[in-house]
Amino acid sequence: MTDAEYARKLDELDRLLNDPDVPMEPEKVWSLLAEIARRDMATGHAGRAQA
């Protein structure tokens, strides 16, 4: 997954969780979280604090 795709997935997840005008789709949230986690694990970013 490219950095741009990763950023789009994070943006989509943010909208699903925080935008009151976007209907909650639990399956989509879990799917996005899994994709993001796989990328984080592959790049070694999981569990690191952001600076």
PDB file of N, CA and C in Angstrom:
ATOM      1  N   MET A   1       0.861  -1.170   0.000  1.00  0.00           N
ATOM      2  CA  MET A   1       0.000   0.000   0.000  1.00  0.00           C
ATOM      3  C   MET A   1       0.909   1.235   0.000  1.00  0.00           C
ATOM      4  N   THR A   2       0.612   2.159  -0.864  1.00  0.00           N
ATOM      5  CA  THR A   2       1.401   3.387  -0.936  1.00  0.00           C
ATOM      6  C   THR A   2       1.047   4.308   0.227  1.00  0.00           C
ATOM      7  N   ASP A   3       1.878   5.312   0.435  1.00  0.00           N
ATOM      8  CA  ASP A   3       1.600   6.286   1.483  1.00  0.00           C
ATOM      9  C   ASP A   3       0.288   7.020   1.218  1.00  0.00           C
ATOM     10  N   ALA A   4      -0.003   7.302  -0.050  1.00  0.00           N
ATOM     11  CA  ALA A   4      -1.249   7.995  -0.401  1.00  0.00           C
ATOM     12  C   ALA A   4      -2.465   7.115  -0.105  1.00  0.00           C
ATOM     13  N   GLU A   5      -2.366   5.830  -0.415  1.00  0.00           N
ATOM     14  CA  GLU A   5      -3.473   4.907  -0.113  1.00  0.00           C
ATOM     15  C   GLU A   5      -3.675   4.801   1.400  1.00  0.00           C
ATOM     16  N   TYR A   6      -2.569   4.719   2.118  1.00  0.00           N
ATOM     17  CA  TYR A   6      -2.620   4.641   3.579  1.00  0.00           C
ATOM     18  C   TYR A   6      -3.317   5.879   4.146  1.00  0.00           C
ATOM     19  N   ALA A   7      -2.943   7.049   3.654  1.00  0.00           N
ATOM     20  CA  ALA A   7      -3.553   8.296   4.120  1.00  0.00           C
ATOM     21  C   ALA A   7      -5.046   8.321   3.800  1.00  0.00           C
ATOM     22  N   ARG A   8      -5.438   7.851   2.614  1.00  0.00           N
ATOM     23  CA  ARG A   8      -6.867   7.806   2.259  1.00  0.00           C
ATOM     24  C   ARG A   8      -7.636   6.872   3.187  1.00  0.00           C
ATOM     25  N   LYS A   9      -7.036   5.739   3.520  1.00  0.00           N
ATOM     26  CA  LYS A   9      -7.707   4.794   4.421  1.00  0.00           C
ATOM     27  C   LYS A   9      -7.864   5.398   5.816  1.00  0.00           C
ATOM     28  N   LEU A  10      -6.837   6.105   6.296  1.00  0.00           N
ATOM     29  CA  LEU A  10      -6.943   6.775   7.589  1.00  0.00           C
ATOM     30  C   LEU A  10      -8.027   7.848   7.558  1.00  0.00           C
ATOM     31  N   ASP A  11      -8.091   8.606   6.478  1.00  0.00           N
ATOM     32  CA  ASP A  11      -9.129   9.638   6.336  1.00  0.00           C
ATOM     33  C   ASP A  11     -10.520   9.015   6.325  1.00  0.00           C
ATOM     34  N   GLU A  12     -10.664   7.913   5.589  1.00  0.00           N
ATOM     35  CA  GLU A  12     -11.966   7.242   5.526  1.00  0.00           C
ATOM     36  C   GLU A  12     -12.363   6.713   6.903  1.00  0.00           C
ATOM     37  N   LEU A  13     -11.414   6.122   7.605  1.00  0.00           N
ATOM     38  CA  LEU A  13     -11.681   5.628   8.950  1.00  0.00           C
ATOM     39  C   LEU A  13     -12.090   6.771   9.866  1.00  0.00           C
ATOM     40  N   ASP A  14     -11.405   7.888   9.780  1.00  0.00           N
ATOM     41  CA  ASP A  14     -11.737   9.057  10.582  1.00  0.00           C
ATOM     42  C   ASP A  14     -13.173   9.514  10.304  1.00  0.00           C
ATOM     43  N   ARG A  15     -13.544   9.573   9.033  1.00  0.00           N
ATOM     44  CA  ARG A  15     -14.913   9.984   8.687  1.00  0.00           C
ATOM     45  C   ARG A  15     -15.947   9.002   9.243  1.00  0.00           C
ATOM     46  N   LEU A  16     -15.676   7.694   9.101  1.00  0.00           N
ATOM     47  CA  LEU A  16     -16.623   6.696   9.599  1.00  0.00           C
ATOM     48  C   LEU A  16     -16.822   6.795  11.108  1.00  0.00           C
ATOM     49  N   LEU A  17     -15.755   7.131  11.814  1.00  0.00           N
ATOM     50  CA  LEU A  17     -15.834   7.167  13.273  1.00  0.00           C
ATOM     51  C   LEU A  17     -16.277   8.514  13.832  1.00  0.00           C
ATOM     52  N   ASN A  18     -16.048   9.594  13.099  1.00  0.00           N
ATOM     53  CA  ASN A  18     -16.252  10.918  13.683  1.00  0.00           C
ATOM     54  C   ASN A  18     -17.243  11.832  12.984  1.00  0.00           C
ATOM     55  N   ASP A  19     -17.620  11.530  11.767  1.00  0.00           N
ATOM     56  CA  ASP A  19     -18.529  12.410  11.023  1.00  0.00           C
ATOM     57  C   ASP A  19     -19.972  11.981  11.287  1.00  0.00           C
ATOM     58  N   PRO A  20     -20.759  12.815  11.941  1.00  0.00           N
ATOM     59  CA  PRO A  20     -22.139  12.431  12.258  1.00  0.00           C
ATOM     60  C   PRO A  20     -23.024  12.270  11.013  1.00  0.00           C
ATOM     61  N   ASP A  21     -22.585  12.801   9.878  1.00  0.00           N
ATOM     62  CA  ASP A  21     -23.368  12.667   8.647  1.00  0.00           C
ATOM     63  C   ASP A  21     -23.060  11.392   7.873  1.00  0.00           C
ATOM     64  N   VAL A  22     -22.043  10.647   8.305  1.00  0.00           N
ATOM     65  CA  VAL A  22     -21.673   9.399   7.639  1.00  0.00           C
ATOM     66  C   VAL A  22     -22.184   8.239   8.491  1.00  0.00           C
ATOM     67  N   PRO A  23     -23.006   7.358   7.894  1.00  0.00           N
ATOM     68  CA  PRO A  23     -23.530   6.231   8.675  1.00  0.00           C
ATOM     69  C   PRO A  23     -22.402   5.280   9.123  1.00  0.00           C
ATOM     70  N   MET A  24     -22.509   4.801  10.345  1.00  0.00           N
ATOM     71  CA  MET A  24     -21.533   3.865  10.893  1.00  0.00           C
ATOM     72  C   MET A  24     -21.663   2.525  10.181  1.00  0.00           C
ATOM     73  N   GLU A  25     -20.550   2.004   9.686  1.00  0.00           N
ATOM     74  CA  GLU A  25     -20.504   0.700   9.037  1.00  0.00           C
ATOM     75  C   GLU A  25     -19.437  -0.132   9.741  1.00  0.00           C
ATOM     76  N   PRO A  26     -19.831  -0.902  10.765  1.00  0.00           N
ATOM     77  CA  PRO A  26     -18.830  -1.650  11.540  1.00  0.00           C
ATOM     78  C   PRO A  26     -17.932  -2.544  10.693  1.00  0.00           C
ATOM     79  N   GLU A  27     -18.501  -3.199   9.678  1.00  0.00           N
ATOM     80  CA  GLU A  27     -17.691  -4.084   8.847  1.00  0.00           C
ATOM     81  C   GLU A  27     -16.595  -3.302   8.125  1.00  0.00           C
ATOM     82  N   LYS A  28     -16.931  -2.122   7.653  1.00  0.00           N
ATOM     83  CA  LYS A  28     -15.967  -1.272   6.950  1.00  0.00           C
ATOM     84  C   LYS A  28     -14.891  -0.772   7.916  1.00  0.00           C
ATOM     85  N   VAL A  29     -15.316  -0.401   9.136  1.00  0.00           N
ATOM     86  CA  VAL A  29     -14.348   0.054  10.142  1.00  0.00           C
ATOM     87  C   VAL A  29     -13.334  -1.047  10.428  1.00  0.00           C
ATOM     88  N   TRP A  30     -13.814  -2.261  10.680  1.00  0.00           N
ATOM     89  CA  TRP A  30     -12.913  -3.375  10.987  1.00  0.00           C
ATOM     90  C   TRP A  30     -12.010  -3.694   9.808  1.00  0.00           C
ATOM     91  N   SER A  31     -12.543  -3.622   8.609  1.00  0.00           N
ATOM     92  CA  SER A  31     -11.744  -3.884   7.411  1.00  0.00           C
ATOM     93  C   SER A  31     -10.618  -2.854   7.267  1.00  0.00           C
ATOM     94  N   LEU A  32     -10.958  -1.581   7.444  1.00  0.00           N
ATOM     95  CA  LEU A  32      -9.943  -0.533   7.365  1.00  0.00           C
ATOM     96  C   LEU A  32      -8.899  -0.697   8.462  1.00  0.00           C
ATOM     97  N   LEU A  33      -9.344  -1.005   9.672  1.00  0.00           N
ATOM     98  CA  LEU A  33      -8.394  -1.211  10.771  1.00  0.00           C
ATOM     99  C   LEU A  33      -7.438  -2.360  10.463  1.00  0.00           C
ATOM    100  N   ALA A  34      -7.948  -3.434   9.882  1.00  0.00           N
ATOM    101  CA  ALA A  34      -7.096  -4.579   9.536  1.00  0.00           C
ATOM    102  C   ALA A  34      -6.075  -4.197   8.475  1.00  0.00           C
ATOM    103  N   GLU A  35      -6.499  -3.466   7.453  1.00  0.00           N
ATOM    104  CA  GLU A  35      -5.574  -3.040   6.402  1.00  0.00           C
ATOM    105  C   GLU A  35      -4.496  -2.114   6.952  1.00  0.00           C
ATOM    106  N   ILE A  36      -4.902  -1.175   7.783  1.00  0.00           N
ATOM    107  CA  ILE A  36      -3.961  -0.233   8.376  1.00  0.00           C
ATOM    108  C   ILE A  36      -2.975  -0.972   9.279  1.00  0.00           C
ATOM    109  N   ALA A  37      -3.474  -1.895  10.068  1.00  0.00           N
ATOM    110  CA  ALA A  37      -2.607  -2.657  10.978  1.00  0.00           C
ATOM    111  C   ALA A  37      -1.605  -3.501  10.208  1.00  0.00           C
ATOM    112  N   ARG A  38      -2.044  -4.130   9.110  1.00  0.00           N
ATOM    113  CA  ARG A  38      -1.118  -4.939   8.304  1.00  0.00           C
ATOM    114  C   ARG A  38       0.019  -4.064   7.776  1.00  0.00           C
ATOM    115  N   ARG A  39      -0.309  -2.883   7.323  1.00  0.00           N
ATOM    116  CA  ARG A  39       0.715  -1.978   6.792  1.00  0.00           C
ATOM    117  C   ARG A  39       1.645  -1.524   7.914  1.00  0.00           C
ATOM    118  N   ASP A  40       1.056  -1.197   9.065  1.00  0.00           N
ATOM    119  CA  ASP A  40       1.871  -0.767  10.203  1.00  0.00           C
ATOM    120  C   ASP A  40       2.815  -1.876  10.651  1.00  0.00           C
ATOM    121  N   MET A  41       2.320  -3.102  10.689  1.00  0.00           N
ATOM    122  CA  MET A  41       3.158  -4.230  11.105  1.00  0.00           C
ATOM    123  C   MET A  41       4.277  -4.464  10.097  1.00  0.00           C
ATOM    124  N   ALA A  42       3.963  -4.340   8.828  1.00  0.00           N
ATOM    125  CA  ALA A  42       4.953  -4.576   7.780  1.00  0.00           C
ATOM    126  C   ALA A  42       6.042  -3.517   7.767  1.00  0.00           C
ATOM    127  N   THR A  43       5.694  -2.302   8.163  1.00  0.00           N
ATOM    128  CA  THR A  43       6.668  -1.212   8.139  1.00  0.00           C
ATOM    129  C   THR A  43       7.285  -0.936   9.500  1.00  0.00           C
ATOM    130  N   GLY A  44       6.848  -1.668  10.519  1.00  0.00           N
ATOM    131  CA  GLY A  44       7.415  -1.492  11.852  1.00  0.00           C
ATOM    132  C   GLY A  44       6.897  -0.290  12.603  1.00  0.00           C
ATOM    133  N   HIS A  45       5.743   0.250  12.190  1.00  0.00           N
ATOM    134  CA  HIS A  45       5.202   1.432  12.864  1.00  0.00           C
ATOM    135  C   HIS A  45       4.247   1.090  13.998  1.00  0.00           C
ATOM    136  N   ALA A  46       3.862  -0.140  14.144  1.00  0.00           N
ATOM    137  CA  ALA A  46       2.893  -0.509  15.171  1.00  0.00           C
ATOM    138  C   ALA A  46       3.465  -0.265  16.561  1.00  0.00           C
ATOM    139  N   GLY A  47       2.695   0.411  17.374  1.00  0.00           N
ATOM    140  CA  GLY A  47       3.084   0.625  18.756  1.00  0.00           C
ATOM    141  C   GLY A  47       4.049   1.769  19.000  1.00  0.00           C
ATOM    142  N   ARG A  48       4.458   2.454  17.974  1.00  0.00           N
ATOM    143  CA  ARG A  48       5.366   3.582  18.167  1.00  0.00           C
ATOM    144  C   ARG A  48       4.597   4.860  18.381  1.00  0.00           C
ATOM    145  N   ALA A  49       5.094   5.674  19.284  1.00  0.00           N
ATOM    146  CA  ALA A  49       4.468   6.983  19.534  1.00  0.00           C
ATOM    147  C   ALA A  49       4.802   7.931  18.391  1.00  0.00           C
ATOM    148  N   GLN A  50       3.858   8.766  18.062  1.00  0.00           N
ATOM    149  CA  GLN A  50       4.081   9.774  17.027  1.00  0.00           C
ATOM    150  C   GLN A  50       4.812  10.966  17.612  1.00  0.00           C
ATOM    151  N   ALA A  51       5.765  11.493  16.895  1.00  0.00           N
ATOM    152  CA  ALA A  51       6.501  12.671  17.366  1.00  0.00           C
ATOM    153  C   ALA A  51       5.876  13.931  16.845  1.00  0.00           C
TER     154      ALA A  51
END
